[in-house]
Amino acid sequence: MKLVTKAMEAKMPKLYSTENIPQEEKQIFAKFFMPDGNFTWYAIEGQKEENGDITFFGLVDSVHDRELGYFTLSQLQQARGALRLPVERDLHFDNKNIRLGDII
């Protein structure tokens, strides 16, 4: 499964472009999850880097903690859960108009 499509790249807000929007109002454009683990990543902003990687800003949610921060596409591609399954993108999450306040 492709974690980020060209269509997603075209519509994802650039890094720092939502910093003047209240935290609870920030729109989430993608959800990634570990099917055999305890991590979910909610991307709010994203930007393609010169090396081809994408840096995201969003919420990292796990059983033990919830934290806003940065993560990269390459980190998602390398992450594995208990059964060594790769991270997936929630295909049913697109265009749901989910805000950060709906999750936290």
PDB file of N, CA and C in Angstrom:
ATOM      1  N   MET A   1       0.841  -1.184   0.000  1.00  0.00           N
ATOM      2  CA  MET A   1       0.000   0.000   0.000  1.00  0.00           C
ATOM      3  C   MET A   1       0.882   1.241   0.000  1.00  0.00           C
ATOM      4  N   LYS A   2       0.521   2.171  -0.827  1.00  0.00           N
ATOM      5  CA  LYS A   2       1.227   3.445  -0.875  1.00  0.00           C
ATOM      6  C   LYS A   2       0.709   4.322   0.265  1.00  0.00           C
ATOM      7  N   LEU A   3       1.603   4.762   1.136  1.00  0.00           N
ATOM      8  CA  LEU A   3       1.177   5.558   2.286  1.00  0.00           C
ATOM      9  C   LEU A   3       0.754   6.969   1.895  1.00  0.00           C
ATOM     10  N   VAL A   4       1.406   7.539   0.886  1.00  0.00           N
ATOM     11  CA  VAL A   4       1.068   8.892   0.444  1.00  0.00           C
ATOM     12  C   VAL A   4       0.943   8.896  -1.077  1.00  0.00           C
ATOM     13  N   THR A   5      -0.212   9.305  -1.552  1.00  0.00           N
ATOM     14  CA  THR A   5      -0.446   9.388  -2.992  1.00  0.00           C
ATOM     15  C   THR A   5      -0.090  10.787  -3.498  1.00  0.00           C
ATOM     16  N   LYS A   6       0.009  10.913  -4.797  1.00  0.00           N
ATOM     17  CA  LYS A   6       0.265  12.228  -5.409  1.00  0.00           C
ATOM     18  C   LYS A   6      -0.872  13.194  -5.085  1.00  0.00           C
ATOM     19  N   ALA A   7      -2.104  12.699  -5.068  1.00  0.00           N
ATOM     20  CA  ALA A   7      -3.253  13.550  -4.728  1.00  0.00           C
ATOM     21  C   ALA A   7      -3.141  14.074  -3.295  1.00  0.00           C
ATOM     22  N   MET A   8      -2.698  13.219  -2.376  1.00  0.00           N
ATOM     23  CA  MET A   8      -2.509  13.651  -0.986  1.00  0.00           C
ATOM     24  C   MET A   8      -1.415  14.703  -0.898  1.00  0.00           C
ATOM     25  N   GLU A   9      -0.315  14.468  -1.616  1.00  0.00           N
ATOM     26  CA  GLU A   9       0.797  15.428  -1.619  1.00  0.00           C
ATOM     27  C   GLU A   9       0.327  16.792  -2.076  1.00  0.00           C
ATOM     28  N   ALA A  10      -0.521  16.814  -3.079  1.00  0.00           N
ATOM     29  CA  ALA A  10      -0.993  18.081  -3.650  1.00  0.00           C
ATOM     30  C   ALA A  10      -1.877  18.861  -2.679  1.00  0.00           C
ATOM     31  N   LYS A  11      -2.615  18.164  -1.817  1.00  0.00           N
ATOM     32  CA  LYS A  11      -3.553  18.874  -0.946  1.00  0.00           C
ATOM     33  C   LYS A  11      -3.086  19.030   0.504  1.00  0.00           C
ATOM     34  N   MET A  12      -1.964  18.410   0.878  1.00  0.00           N
ATOM     35  CA  MET A  12      -1.552  18.510   2.277  1.00  0.00           C
ATOM     36  C   MET A  12      -1.005  19.914   2.570  1.00  0.00           C
ATOM     37  N   PRO A  13      -1.444  20.483   3.682  1.00  0.00           N
ATOM     38  CA  PRO A  13      -0.944  21.810   4.065  1.00  0.00           C
ATOM     39  C   PRO A  13       0.560  21.755   4.342  1.00  0.00           C
ATOM     40  N   LYS A  14       1.278  22.747   3.889  1.00  0.00           N
ATOM     41  CA  LYS A  14       2.728  22.834   4.112  1.00  0.00           C
ATOM     42  C   LYS A  14       3.019  22.992   5.607  1.00  0.00           C
ATOM     43  N   LEU A  15       4.230  22.611   5.996  1.00  0.00           N
ATOM     44  CA  LEU A  15       4.647  22.765   7.393  1.00  0.00           C
ATOM     45  C   LEU A  15       4.497  24.217   7.820  1.00  0.00           C
ATOM     46  N   TYR A  16       4.019  24.427   9.015  1.00  0.00           N
ATOM     47  CA  TYR A  16       3.810  25.722   9.673  1.00  0.00           C
ATOM     48  C   TYR A  16       2.660  26.532   9.090  1.00  0.00           C
ATOM     49  N   SER A  17       1.956  26.008   8.085  1.00  0.00           N
ATOM     50  CA  SER A  17       0.882  26.786   7.477  1.00  0.00           C
ATOM     51  C   SER A  17      -0.376  26.857   8.338  1.00  0.00           C
ATOM     52  N   THR A  18      -0.469  26.000   9.350  1.00  0.00           N
ATOM     53  CA  THR A  18      -1.663  26.018  10.214  1.00  0.00           C
ATOM     54  C   THR A  18      -1.356  26.543  11.615  1.00  0.00           C
ATOM     55  N   GLU A  19      -0.187  27.152  11.801  1.00  0.00           N
ATOM     56  CA  GLU A  19       0.181  27.532  13.169  1.00  0.00           C
ATOM     57  C   GLU A  19      -0.717  28.611  13.762  1.00  0.00           C
ATOM     58  N   ASN A  20      -1.440  29.378  12.954  1.00  0.00           N
ATOM     59  CA  ASN A  20      -2.350  30.395  13.489  1.00  0.00           C
ATOM     60  C   ASN A  20      -3.769  29.871  13.688  1.00  0.00           C
ATOM     61  N   ILE A  21      -3.980  28.607  13.395  1.00  0.00           N
ATOM     62  CA  ILE A  21      -5.289  27.981  13.616  1.00  0.00           C
ATOM     63  C   ILE A  21      -5.279  27.359  15.012  1.00  0.00           C
ATOM     64  N   PRO A  22      -6.332  27.585  15.813  1.00  0.00           N
ATOM     65  CA  PRO A  22      -6.370  26.963  17.148  1.00  0.00           C
ATOM     66  C   PRO A  22      -6.183  25.445  17.054  1.00  0.00           C
ATOM     67  N   GLN A  23      -5.490  24.908  18.023  1.00  0.00           N
ATOM     68  CA  GLN A  23      -5.122  23.490  18.008  1.00  0.00           C
ATOM     69  C   GLN A  23      -6.309  22.580  17.728  1.00  0.00           C
ATOM     70  N   GLU A  24      -7.416  22.789  18.403  1.00  0.00           N
ATOM     71  CA  GLU A  24      -8.567  21.896  18.249  1.00  0.00           C
ATOM     72  C   GLU A  24      -9.242  22.029  16.882  1.00  0.00           C
ATOM     73  N   GLU A  25      -8.963  23.120  16.163  1.00  0.00           N
ATOM     74  CA  GLU A  25      -9.565  23.354  14.851  1.00  0.00           C
ATOM     75  C   GLU A  25      -8.702  22.844  13.693  1.00  0.00           C
ATOM     76  N   LYS A  26      -7.491  22.427  13.970  1.00  0.00           N
ATOM     77  CA  LYS A  26      -6.600  21.962  12.902  1.00  0.00           C
ATOM     78  C   LYS A  26      -7.187  20.725  12.225  1.00  0.00           C
ATOM     79  N   GLN A  27      -7.225  20.761  10.890  1.00  0.00           N
ATOM     80  CA  GLN A  27      -7.787  19.676  10.093  1.00  0.00           C
ATOM     81  C   GLN A  27      -6.764  18.560   9.909  1.00  0.00           C
ATOM     82  N   ILE A  28      -7.183  17.326  10.078  1.00  0.00           N
ATOM     83  CA  ILE A  28      -6.309  16.176   9.870  1.00  0.00           C
ATOM     84  C   ILE A  28      -6.540  15.678   8.444  1.00  0.00           C
ATOM     85  N   PHE A  29      -5.463  15.552   7.675  1.00  0.00           N
ATOM     86  CA  PHE A  29      -5.638  15.136   6.289  1.00  0.00           C
ATOM     87  C   PHE A  29      -5.326  13.663   6.058  1.00  0.00           C
ATOM     88  N   ALA A  30      -4.671  12.989   7.009  1.00  0.00           N
ATOM     89  CA  ALA A  30      -4.383  11.561   6.834  1.00  0.00           C
ATOM     90  C   ALA A  30      -4.207  10.887   8.188  1.00  0.00           C
ATOM     91  N   LYS A  31      -4.574   9.625   8.221  1.00  0.00           N
ATOM     92  CA  LYS A  31      -4.403   8.797   9.419  1.00  0.00           C
ATOM     93  C   LYS A  31      -3.611   7.558   9.020  1.00  0.00           C
ATOM     94  N   PHE A  32      -2.533   7.311   9.763  1.00  0.00           N
ATOM     95  CA  PHE A  32      -1.704   6.124   9.562  1.00  0.00           C
ATOM     96  C   PHE A  32      -1.780   5.296  10.837  1.00  0.00           C
ATOM     97  N   PHE A  33      -1.752   3.988  10.711  1.00  0.00           N
ATOM     98  CA  PHE A  33      -1.847   3.156  11.914  1.00  0.00           C
ATOM     99  C   PHE A  33      -1.002   1.896  11.767  1.00  0.00           C
ATOM    100  N   MET A  34      -0.661   1.352  12.908  1.00  0.00           N
ATOM    101  CA  MET A  34       0.108   0.115  12.985  1.00  0.00           C
ATOM    102  C   MET A  34      -0.909  -1.000  13.273  1.00  0.00           C
ATOM    103  N   PRO A  35      -1.194  -1.856  12.287  1.00  0.00           N
ATOM    104  CA  PRO A  35      -2.243  -2.861  12.479  1.00  0.00           C
ATOM    105  C   PRO A  35      -1.946  -3.889  13.569  1.00  0.00           C
ATOM    106  N   ASP A  36      -0.693  -4.071  13.899  1.00  0.00           N
ATOM    107  CA  ASP A  36      -0.321  -5.043  14.931  1.00  0.00           C
ATOM    108  C   ASP A  36       0.442  -4.373  16.072  1.00  0.00           C
ATOM    109  N   GLY A  37       0.123  -3.108  16.298  1.00  0.00           N
ATOM    110  CA  GLY A  37       0.808  -2.366  17.354  1.00  0.00           C
ATOM    111  C   GLY A  37      -0.097  -1.310  17.957  1.00  0.00           C
ATOM    112  N   ASN A  38       0.501  -0.450  18.743  1.00  0.00           N
ATOM    113  CA  ASN A  38      -0.263   0.514  19.519  1.00  0.00           C
ATOM    114  C   ASN A  38      -0.047   1.961  19.090  1.00  0.00           C
ATOM    115  N   PHE A  39       0.284   2.196  17.832  1.00  0.00           N
ATOM    116  CA  PHE A  39       0.546   3.551  17.382  1.00  0.00           C
ATOM    117  C   PHE A  39      -0.396   3.962  16.257  1.00  0.00           C
ATOM    118  N   THR A  40      -0.843   5.225  16.320  1.00  0.00           N
ATOM    119  CA  THR A  40      -1.611   5.861  15.266  1.00  0.00           C
ATOM    120  C   THR A  40      -1.028   7.245  15.067  1.00  0.00           C
ATOM    121  N   TRP A  41      -0.873   7.636  13.812  1.00  0.00           N
ATOM    122  CA  TRP A  41      -0.335   8.954  13.476  1.00  0.00           C
ATOM    123  C   TRP A  41      -1.410   9.713  12.712  1.00  0.00           C
ATOM    124  N   TYR A  42      -1.721  10.938  13.155  1.00  0.00           N
ATOM    125  CA  TYR A  42      -2.693  11.804  12.490  1.00  0.00           C
ATOM    126  C   TYR A  42      -1.922  12.987  11.899  1.00  0.00           C
ATOM    127  N   ALA A  43      -1.859  13.080  10.585  1.00  0.00           N
ATOM    128  CA  ALA A  43      -1.079  14.126   9.916  1.00  0.00           C
ATOM    129  C   ALA A  43      -1.927  15.384   9.714  1.00  0.00           C
ATOM    130  N   ILE A  44      -1.376  16.506  10.157  1.00  0.00           N
ATOM    131  CA  ILE A  44      -2.027  17.812  10.012  1.00  0.00           C
ATOM    132  C   ILE A  44      -1.357  18.609   8.900  1.00  0.00           C
ATOM    133  N   GLU A  45      -0.059  18.539   8.839  1.00  0.00           N
ATOM    134  CA  GLU A  45       0.729  19.233   7.819  1.00  0.00           C
ATOM    135  C   GLU A  45       1.744  18.254   7.247  1.00  0.00           C
ATOM    136  N   GLY A  46       2.222  18.538   6.056  1.00  0.00           N
ATOM    137  CA  GLY A  46       3.249  17.695   5.462  1.00  0.00           C
ATOM    138  C   GLY A  46       3.962  18.428   4.344  1.00  0.00           C
ATOM    139  N   GLN A  47       5.215  18.111   4.188  1.00  0.00           N
ATOM    140  CA  GLN A  47       6.010  18.786   3.162  1.00  0.00           C
ATOM    141  C   GLN A  47       7.071  17.844   2.627  1.00  0.00           C
ATOM    142  N   LYS A  48       7.147  17.765   1.309  1.00  0.00           N
ATOM    143  CA  LYS A  48       8.154  16.925   0.665  1.00  0.00           C
ATOM    144  C   LYS A  48       9.509  17.609   0.772  1.00  0.00           C
ATOM    145  N   GLU A  49      10.505  16.834   1.150  1.00  0.00           N
ATOM    146  CA  GLU A  49      11.864  17.343   1.311  1.00  0.00           C
ATOM    147  C   GLU A  49      12.658  17.115   0.021  1.00  0.00           C
ATOM    148  N   GLU A  50      13.805  17.758  -0.078  1.00  0.00           N
ATOM    149  CA  GLU A  50      14.654  17.622  -1.264  1.00  0.00           C
ATOM    150  C   GLU A  50      15.088  16.180  -1.511  1.00  0.00           C
ATOM    151  N   ASN A  51      15.231  15.405  -0.434  1.00  0.00           N
ATOM    152  CA  ASN A  51      15.665  14.011  -0.569  1.00  0.00           C
ATOM    153  C   ASN A  51      14.515  13.062  -0.930  1.00  0.00           C
ATOM    154  N   GLY A  52      13.305  13.612  -1.109  1.00  0.00           N
ATOM    155  CA  GLY A  52      12.149  12.805  -1.477  1.00  0.00           C
ATOM    156  C   GLY A  52      11.301  12.348  -0.312  1.00  0.00           C
ATOM    157  N   ASP A  53      11.834  12.442   0.898  1.00  0.00           N
ATOM    158  CA  ASP A  53      11.076  12.073   2.089  1.00  0.00           C
ATOM    159  C   ASP A  53      10.009  13.143   2.342  1.00  0.00           C
ATOM    160  N   ILE A  54       9.042  12.834   3.171  1.00  0.00           N
ATOM    161  CA  ILE A  54       8.026  13.804   3.561  1.00  0.00           C
ATOM    162  C   ILE A  54       8.091  13.953   5.071  1.00  0.00           C
ATOM    163  N   THR A  55       8.143  15.190   5.530  1.00  0.00           N
ATOM    164  CA  THR A  55       8.087  15.480   6.956  1.00  0.00           C
ATOM    165  C   THR A  55       6.664  15.908   7.286  1.00  0.00           C
ATOM    166  N   PHE A  56       6.086  15.251   8.275  1.00  0.00           N
ATOM    167  CA  PHE A  56       4.731  15.552   8.721  1.00  0.00           C
ATOM    168  C   PHE A  56       4.768  16.212  10.092  1.00  0.00           C
ATOM    169  N   PHE A  57       3.747  17.003  10.381  1.00  0.00           N
ATOM    170  CA  PHE A  57       3.473  17.465  11.733  1.00  0.00           C
ATOM    171  C   PHE A  57       2.086  16.947  12.068  1.00  0.00           C
ATOM    172  N   GLY A  58       1.942  16.378  13.257  1.00  0.00           N
ATOM    173  CA  GLY A  58       0.636  15.879  13.651  1.00  0.00           C
ATOM    174  C   GLY A  58       0.661  15.242  15.022  1.00  0.00           C
ATOM    175  N   LEU A  59      -0.380  14.492  15.289  1.00  0.00           N
ATOM    176  CA  LEU A  59      -0.541  13.828  16.570  1.00  0.00           C
ATOM    177  C   LEU A  59      -0.056  12.393  16.464  1.00  0.00           C
ATOM    178  N   VAL A  60       0.813  12.015  17.393  1.00  0.00           N
ATOM    179  CA  VAL A  60       1.255  10.628  17.512  1.00  0.00           C
ATOM    180  C   VAL A  60       0.547  10.075  18.740  1.00  0.00           C
ATOM    181  N   ASP A  61      -0.267   9.059  18.534  1.00  0.00           N
ATOM    182  CA  ASP A  61      -1.111   8.510  19.591  1.00  0.00           C
ATOM    183  C   ASP A  61      -0.696   7.066  19.854  1.00  0.00           C
ATOM    184  N   SER A  62      -0.404   6.775  21.115  1.00  0.00           N
ATOM    185  CA  SER A  62      -0.081   5.399  21.503  1.00  0.00           C
ATOM    186  C   SER A  62      -0.802   5.082  22.800  1.00  0.00           C
ATOM    187  N   VAL A  63      -0.693   3.852  23.220  1.00  0.00           N
ATOM    188  CA  VAL A  63      -1.331   3.426  24.466  1.00  0.00           C
ATOM    189  C   VAL A  63      -0.797   4.236  25.646  1.00  0.00           C
ATOM    190  N   HIS A  64       0.475   4.604  25.585  1.00  0.00           N
ATOM    191  CA  HIS A  64       1.124   5.247  26.715  1.00  0.00           C
ATOM    192  C   HIS A  64       1.145   6.762  26.659  1.00  0.00           C
ATOM    193  N   ASP A  65       0.980   7.347  25.475  1.00  0.00           N
ATOM    194  CA  ASP A  65       1.161   8.795  25.364  1.00  0.00           C
ATOM    195  C   ASP A  65       0.487   9.334  24.109  1.00  0.00           C
ATOM    196  N   ARG A  66       0.198  10.616  24.140  1.00  0.00           N
ATOM    197  CA  ARG A  66      -0.301  11.373  22.990  1.00  0.00           C
ATOM    198  C   ARG A  66       0.542  12.617  22.898  1.00  0.00           C
ATOM    199  N   GLU A  67       1.076  12.863  21.708  1.00  0.00           N
ATOM    200  CA  GLU A  67       1.992  13.989  21.595  1.00  0.00           C
ATOM    201  C   GLU A  67       1.939  14.575  20.188  1.00  0.00           C
ATOM    202  N   LEU A  68       1.909  15.916  20.118  1.00  0.00           N
ATOM    203  CA  LEU A  68       2.048  16.596  18.845  1.00  0.00           C
ATOM    204  C   LEU A  68       3.521  16.668  18.513  1.00  0.00           C
ATOM    205  N   GLY A  69       3.856  16.393  17.260  1.00  0.00           N
ATOM    206  CA  GLY A  69       5.256  16.449  16.886  1.00  0.00           C
ATOM    207  C   GLY A  69       5.461  16.132  15.421  1.00  0.00           C
ATOM    208  N   TYR A  70       6.698  15.949  15.070  1.00  0.00           N
ATOM    209  CA  TYR A  70       7.095  15.699  13.688  1.00  0.00           C
ATOM    210  C   TYR A  70       7.446  14.225  13.496  1.00  0.00           C
ATOM    211  N   PHE A  71       7.111  13.709  12.335  1.00  0.00           N
ATOM    212  CA  PHE A  71       7.495  12.353  11.944  1.00  0.00           C
ATOM    213  C   PHE A  71       7.640  12.356  10.429  1.00  0.00           C
ATOM    214  N   THR A  72       8.347  11.372   9.919  1.00  0.00           N
ATOM    215  CA  THR A  72       8.620  11.347   8.486  1.00  0.00           C
ATOM    216  C   THR A  72       8.005  10.118   7.824  1.00  0.00           C
ATOM    217  N   LEU A  73       7.843  10.217   6.533  1.00  0.00           N
ATOM    218  CA  LEU A  73       7.339   9.085   5.757  1.00  0.00           C
ATOM    219  C   LEU A  73       8.287   7.895   5.895  1.00  0.00           C
ATOM    220  N   SER A  74       9.584   8.150   5.859  1.00  0.00           N
ATOM    221  CA  SER A  74      10.543   7.044   5.981  1.00  0.00           C
ATOM    222  C   SER A  74      10.431   6.352   7.345  1.00  0.00           C
ATOM    223  N   GLN A  75      10.139   7.095   8.393  1.00  0.00           N
ATOM    224  CA  GLN A  75       9.939   6.482   9.706  1.00  0.00           C
ATOM    225  C   GLN A  75       8.708   5.577   9.691  1.00  0.00           C
ATOM    226  N   LEU A  76       7.637   6.050   9.049  1.00  0.00           N
ATOM    227  CA  LEU A  76       6.424   5.233   8.956  1.00  0.00           C
ATOM    228  C   LEU A  76       6.696   3.971   8.146  1.00  0.00           C
ATOM    229  N   GLN A  77       7.461   4.094   7.085  1.00  0.00           N
ATOM    230  CA  GLN A  77       7.763   2.941   6.234  1.00  0.00           C
ATOM    231  C   GLN A  77       8.627   1.908   6.939  1.00  0.00           C
ATOM    232  N   GLN A  78       9.431   2.334   7.887  1.00  0.00           N
ATOM    233  CA  GLN A  78      10.324   1.417   8.598  1.00  0.00           C
ATOM    234  C   GLN A  78       9.697   0.815   9.851  1.00  0.00           C
ATOM    235  N   ALA A  79       8.672   1.457  10.393  1.00  0.00           N
ATOM    236  CA  ALA A  79       8.061   1.010  11.653  1.00  0.00           C
ATOM    237  C   ALA A  79       7.355  -0.332  11.463  1.00  0.00           C
ATOM    238  N   ARG A  80       7.479  -1.174  12.452  1.00  0.00           N
ATOM    239  CA  ARG A  80       6.824  -2.487  12.446  1.00  0.00           C
ATOM    240  C   ARG A  80       6.282  -2.764  13.844  1.00  0.00           C
ATOM    241  N   GLY A  81       5.172  -3.491  13.868  1.00  0.00           N
ATOM    242  CA  GLY A  81       4.575  -3.890  15.132  1.00  0.00           C
ATOM    243  C   GLY A  81       5.039  -5.272  15.545  1.00  0.00           C
ATOM    244  N   ALA A  82       4.302  -5.866  16.465  1.00  0.00           N
ATOM    245  CA  ALA A  82       4.679  -7.155  17.041  1.00  0.00           C
ATOM    246  C   ALA A  82       4.768  -8.277  16.010  1.00  0.00           C
ATOM    247  N   LEU A  83       3.920  -8.231  14.986  1.00  0.00           N
ATOM    248  CA  LEU A  83       3.929  -9.273  13.958  1.00  0.00           C
ATOM    249  C   LEU A  83       4.717  -8.852  12.726  1.00  0.00           C
ATOM    250  N   ARG A  84       5.436  -7.733  12.835  1.00  0.00           N
ATOM    251  CA  ARG A  84       6.282  -7.200  11.753  1.00  0.00           C
ATOM    252  C   ARG A  84       5.480  -6.694  10.548  1.00  0.00           C
ATOM    253  N   LEU A  85       4.209  -6.331  10.783  1.00  0.00           N
ATOM    254  CA  LEU A  85       3.384  -5.783   9.702  1.00  0.00           C
ATOM    255  C   LEU A  85       3.718  -4.308   9.499  1.00  0.00           C
ATOM    256  N   PRO A  86       3.657  -3.831   8.266  1.00  0.00           N
ATOM    257  CA  PRO A  86       3.964  -2.426   8.006  1.00  0.00           C
ATOM    258  C   PRO A  86       2.816  -1.502   8.406  1.00  0.00           C
ATOM    259  N   VAL A  87       3.153  -0.240   8.580  1.00  0.00           N
ATOM    260  CA  VAL A  87       2.160   0.803   8.853  1.00  0.00           C
ATOM    261  C   VAL A  87       1.257   0.926   7.627  1.00  0.00           C
ATOM    262  N   GLU A  88      -0.019   1.192   7.878  1.00  0.00           N
ATOM    263  CA  GLU A  88      -0.997   1.369   6.806  1.00  0.00           C
ATOM    264  C   GLU A  88      -1.644   2.741   6.905  1.00  0.00           C
ATOM    265  N   ARG A  89      -2.207   3.196   5.797  1.00  0.00           N
ATOM    266  CA  ARG A  89      -3.001   4.426   5.786  1.00  0.00           C
ATOM    267  C   ARG A  89      -4.457   4.020   5.865  1.00  0.00           C
ATOM    268  N   ASP A  90      -5.221   4.710   6.691  1.00  0.00           N
ATOM    269  CA  ASP A  90      -6.649   4.443   6.807  1.00  0.00           C
ATOM    270  C   ASP A  90      -7.332   4.973   5.552  1.00  0.00           C
ATOM    271  N   LEU A  91      -7.726   4.085   4.667  1.00  0.00           N
ATOM    272  CA  LEU A  91      -8.324   4.461   3.393  1.00  0.00           C
ATOM    273  C   LEU A  91      -9.711   5.076   3.553  1.00  0.00           C
ATOM    274  N   HIS A  92     -10.361   4.829   4.671  1.00  0.00           N
ATOM    275  CA  HIS A  92     -11.705   5.350   4.914  1.00  0.00           C
ATOM    276  C   HIS A  92     -11.685   6.688   5.645  1.00  0.00           C
ATOM    277  N   PHE A  93     -10.504   7.191   5.902  1.00  0.00           N
ATOM    278  CA  PHE A  93     -10.362   8.444   6.652  1.00  0.00           C
ATOM    279  C   PHE A  93     -10.423   9.669   5.748  1.00  0.00           C
ATOM    280  N   ASP A  94     -10.094   9.520   4.479  1.00  0.00           N
ATOM    281  CA  ASP A  94     -10.041  10.650   3.551  1.00  0.00           C
ATOM    282  C   ASP A  94     -11.355  11.419   3.506  1.00  0.00           C
ATOM    283  N   ASN A  95     -11.229  12.733   3.490  1.00  0.00           N
ATOM    284  CA  ASN A  95     -12.369  13.639   3.322  1.00  0.00           C
ATOM    285  C   ASN A  95     -13.447  13.496   4.394  1.00  0.00           C
ATOM    286  N   LYS A  96     -13.053  13.150   5.582  1.00  0.00           N
ATOM    287  CA  LYS A  96     -14.019  13.026   6.678  1.00  0.00           C
ATOM    288  C   LYS A  96     -14.151  14.319   7.487  1.00  0.00           C
ATOM    289  N   ASN A  97     -13.336  15.324   7.152  1.00  0.00           N
ATOM    290  CA  ASN A  97     -13.356  16.601   7.875  1.00  0.00           C
ATOM    291  C   ASN A  97     -13.173  16.419   9.377  1.00  0.00           C
ATOM    292  N   ILE A  98     -12.201  15.619   9.739  1.00  0.00           N
ATOM    293  CA  ILE A  98     -11.883  15.369  11.139  1.00  0.00           C
ATOM    294  C   ILE A  98     -10.902  16.437  11.614  1.00  0.00           C
ATOM    295  N   ARG A  99     -11.219  17.044  12.736  1.00  0.00           N
ATOM    296  CA  ARG A  99     -10.348  18.043  13.341  1.00  0.00           C
ATOM    297  C   ARG A  99      -9.606  17.422  14.524  1.00  0.00           C
ATOM    298  N   LEU A 100      -8.504  18.026  14.899  1.00  0.00           N
ATOM    299  CA  LEU A 100      -7.732  17.526  16.030  1.00  0.00           C
ATOM    300  C   LEU A 100      -8.592  17.483  17.295  1.00  0.00           C
ATOM    301  N   GLY A 101      -9.460  18.476  17.459  1.00  0.00           N
ATOM    302  CA  GLY A 101     -10.355  18.508  18.622  1.00  0.00           C
ATOM    303  C   GLY A 101     -11.310  17.333  18.687  1.00  0.00           C
ATOM    304  N   ASP A 102     -11.566  16.678  17.565  1.00  0.00           N
ATOM    305  CA  ASP A 102     -12.434  15.497  17.552  1.00  0.00           C
ATOM    306  C   ASP A 102     -11.726  14.276  18.125  1.00  0.00           C
ATOM    307  N   ILE A 103     -10.397  14.334  18.182  1.00  0.00           N
ATOM    308  CA  ILE A 103      -9.612  13.184  18.627  1.00  0.00           C
ATOM    309  C   ILE A 103      -9.090  13.361  20.051  1.00  0.00           C
ATOM    310  N   ILE A 104      -8.646  14.570  20.376  1.00  0.00           N
ATOM    311  CA  ILE A 104      -8.067  14.766  21.705  1.00  0.00           C
ATOM    312  C   ILE A 104      -9.090  15.243  22.715  1.00  0.00           C
TER     313      ILE A 104
END
